[in-house]
Amino acid sequence: MPSFAGEFTVPCTTQAVYELLMDPHRLAKCLPDLKRYEVQDQNHFSVTLRVGLGRVRGPMTIKLEIVEKRENSYARITGKGIMLNSMVNIDGNFTLSAAADGATLVKWTGNAKLGTYLMHVAGGLIDRLVPNSIEQFVRAMEAEAIRGAAPPESRSGEGPQIEDSSK
Protein backbone atom coordinates (compact mmCIF):
# COMPACT_ATOMS: atom_id res chain seq x y z
CA MET A 1 0.00 0.00 0.00
CA PRO A 2 1.65 3.26 -1.10
CA SER A 3 1.96 5.79 1.73
CA PHE A 4 2.88 9.44 1.51
CA ALA A 5 3.37 12.26 4.00
CA GLY A 6 4.45 15.86 4.06
CA GLU A 7 3.77 19.34 5.28
CA PHE A 8 3.29 22.79 3.83
CA THR A 9 2.48 26.27 5.07
CA VAL A 10 -0.48 28.31 3.86
CA PRO A 11 -0.36 32.09 4.39
CA CYS A 12 -3.80 32.31 6.01
CA THR A 13 -5.47 31.30 9.26
CA THR A 14 -6.20 27.76 10.42
CA GLN A 15 -9.89 28.64 10.21
CA ALA A 16 -9.57 29.53 6.51
CA VAL A 17 -7.73 26.28 5.74
CA TYR A 18 -10.17 24.22 7.80
CA GLU A 19 -13.14 25.82 6.01
CA LEU A 20 -11.59 24.82 2.69
CA LEU A 21 -11.16 21.20 3.85
CA MET A 22 -14.79 21.12 5.00
CA ASP A 23 -16.23 22.53 1.76
CA PRO A 24 -16.56 19.74 -0.84
CA HIS A 25 -17.16 22.26 -3.66
CA ARG A 26 -13.92 24.11 -2.97
CA LEU A 27 -11.85 21.05 -2.04
CA ALA A 28 -12.85 19.08 -5.14
CA LYS A 29 -11.64 21.90 -7.38
CA CYS A 30 -8.14 21.56 -5.87
CA LEU A 31 -7.71 18.00 -7.16
CA PRO A 32 -5.40 17.64 -10.16
CA ASP A 33 -6.99 16.52 -13.42
CA LEU A 34 -10.52 16.94 -12.08
CA LYS A 35 -13.08 16.23 -14.78
CA ARG A 36 -16.25 16.62 -12.72
CA TYR A 37 -17.56 16.41 -9.19
CA GLU A 38 -20.86 15.95 -7.41
CA VAL A 39 -21.67 16.89 -3.83
CA GLN A 40 -24.20 14.70 -2.04
CA ASP A 41 -24.03 16.57 1.29
CA GLN A 42 -21.48 18.40 3.44
CA ASN A 43 -19.57 15.18 4.19
CA HIS A 44 -20.00 13.15 0.97
CA PHE A 45 -18.93 13.95 -2.56
CA SER A 46 -17.73 12.16 -5.69
CA VAL A 47 -15.01 13.18 -8.09
CA THR A 48 -14.04 11.93 -11.52
CA LEU A 49 -10.39 12.42 -12.39
CA ARG A 50 -8.47 11.97 -15.64
CA VAL A 51 -5.69 9.59 -14.60
CA GLY A 52 -2.57 8.71 -16.55
CA LEU A 53 -0.05 6.25 -15.12
CA GLY A 54 2.23 5.27 -17.97
CA ARG A 55 0.17 3.15 -20.39
CA VAL A 56 -2.74 3.16 -17.94
CA ARG A 57 -5.06 6.01 -18.79
CA GLY A 58 -8.69 6.64 -18.11
CA PRO A 59 -11.24 8.14 -15.78
CA MET A 60 -11.28 7.28 -12.10
CA THR A 61 -14.36 8.03 -10.03
CA ILE A 62 -13.92 8.19 -6.27
CA LYS A 63 -16.61 8.56 -3.62
CA LEU A 64 -15.12 10.69 -0.84
CA GLU A 65 -16.27 11.13 2.73
CA ILE A 66 -15.14 13.49 5.46
CA VAL A 67 -15.11 10.90 8.25
CA GLU A 68 -13.49 12.78 11.10
CA LYS A 69 -13.06 16.44 11.94
CA ARG A 70 -11.95 18.65 14.78
CA GLU A 71 -12.74 22.29 14.21
CA ASN A 72 -9.79 24.32 12.91
CA SER A 73 -7.30 21.54 13.68
CA TYR A 74 -7.91 18.19 11.95
CA ALA A 75 -9.71 16.44 9.11
CA ARG A 76 -9.69 12.87 7.82
CA ILE A 77 -11.06 12.09 4.37
CA THR A 78 -11.49 8.61 2.92
CA GLY A 79 -12.42 7.50 -0.55
CA LYS A 80 -13.38 4.42 -2.52
CA GLY A 81 -13.29 4.17 -6.27
CA ILE A 82 -12.69 2.15 -9.39
CA MET A 83 -10.19 2.48 -12.21
CA LEU A 84 -9.89 -0.09 -14.97
CA ASN A 85 -12.15 -2.46 -13.04
CA SER A 86 -9.73 -2.34 -10.13
CA MET A 87 -10.56 -0.89 -6.72
CA VAL A 88 -8.83 2.14 -5.24
CA ASN A 89 -9.14 3.04 -1.54
CA ILE A 90 -7.58 6.20 -0.16
CA ASP A 91 -7.24 7.68 3.30
CA GLY A 92 -5.93 11.20 3.99
CA ASN A 93 -5.31 13.05 7.25
CA PHE A 94 -4.74 16.78 7.63
CA THR A 95 -3.50 18.29 10.91
CA LEU A 96 -3.55 22.09 11.12
CA SER A 97 -1.59 24.28 13.50
CA ALA A 98 -0.86 27.98 13.73
CA ALA A 99 2.47 29.09 12.25
CA ALA A 100 4.27 32.44 12.27
CA ASP A 101 2.57 35.58 10.95
CA GLY A 102 -0.96 34.12 11.03
CA ALA A 103 -0.10 31.32 8.61
CA THR A 104 -1.11 27.67 8.98
CA LEU A 105 1.14 24.63 9.01
CA VAL A 106 -0.60 21.68 7.36
CA LYS A 107 0.83 18.24 8.14
CA TRP A 108 -0.70 15.48 6.05
CA THR A 109 -0.50 11.75 5.54
CA GLY A 110 -2.07 9.67 2.82
CA ASN A 111 -2.43 6.00 2.01
CA ALA A 112 -3.71 4.31 -1.12
CA LYS A 113 -4.70 0.70 -1.53
CA LEU A 114 -4.91 -0.43 -5.14
CA GLY A 115 -6.52 -3.52 -6.56
CA THR A 116 -4.28 -6.31 -7.84
CA TYR A 117 -4.65 -5.50 -11.55
CA LEU A 118 -4.00 -1.78 -11.12
CA MET A 119 -1.04 -2.45 -8.83
CA HIS A 120 0.41 -4.88 -11.36
CA VAL A 121 0.00 -2.54 -14.33
CA ALA A 122 0.89 0.78 -12.68
CA GLY A 123 2.46 -0.05 -9.33
CA GLY A 124 6.03 0.90 -10.23
CA LEU A 125 4.95 4.29 -11.56
CA ILE A 126 2.92 5.38 -8.55
CA ASP A 127 5.88 6.32 -6.36
CA ARG A 128 7.18 8.57 -9.16
CA LEU A 129 3.90 10.13 -10.29
CA VAL A 130 1.98 10.67 -7.06
CA PRO A 131 4.37 13.30 -5.65
CA ASN A 132 3.70 15.50 -8.70
CA SER A 133 -0.07 15.19 -8.20
CA ILE A 134 0.34 15.96 -4.51
CA GLU A 135 2.38 19.06 -5.37
CA GLN A 136 -0.37 20.23 -7.74
CA PHE A 137 -3.01 19.63 -5.05
CA VAL A 138 -0.99 21.53 -2.43
CA ARG A 139 -0.50 24.54 -4.74
CA ALA A 140 -4.19 24.57 -5.67
CA MET A 141 -5.19 24.25 -2.02
CA GLU A 142 -2.91 27.15 -1.03
CA ALA A 143 -4.38 29.35 -3.77
CA GLU A 144 -7.97 28.40 -2.89
CA ALA A 145 -7.43 28.98 0.84
CA ILE A 146 -5.99 32.42 0.14
CA ARG A 147 -8.82 33.22 -2.31
CA GLY A 148 -11.41 32.04 0.24
CA ALA A 149 -9.85 34.14 3.01
CA ALA A 150 -9.89 37.30 0.88
CA PRO A 151 -12.71 39.84 1.27
CA PRO A 152 -15.58 39.00 -1.13
CA GLU A 153 -15.02 42.09 -3.27
CA SER A 154 -11.41 41.06 -4.03
CA ARG A 155 -12.14 37.43 -4.99
CA SER A 156 -11.89 36.60 -8.65
CA GLY A 157 -13.59 33.81 -10.51
CA GLU A 158 -10.54 32.66 -12.43
CA GLY A 159 -9.62 29.04 -12.62
CA PRO A 160 -10.55 26.07 -14.78
CA GLN A 161 -14.18 25.42 -15.55
CA ILE A 162 -15.14 22.17 -13.82
CA GLU A 163 -18.46 20.45 -14.23
CA ASP A 164 -20.41 20.50 -10.96
CA SER A 165 -22.98 17.73 -11.29
CA SER A 166 -24.61 18.75 -8.00
CA LYS A 167 -26.65 21.52 -9.56
Foldseek 3Di string as FASTA:
>chain_A
DDKDKDKDKFLAALQLLQVQVQAVVNLQQLFPQWAAKEDPDSFWIKTWGFDDQPVFTDIKIKIKGFDDDDRSFKTKMWIWIDGPNKIKIKIKMWGWDADPPNMIMIIMMMDMDIGPVCCVVRVVRCVVPVVVRVVSSVVSSSVSSVLSPDPPVPHDDDDDDHHYPHD
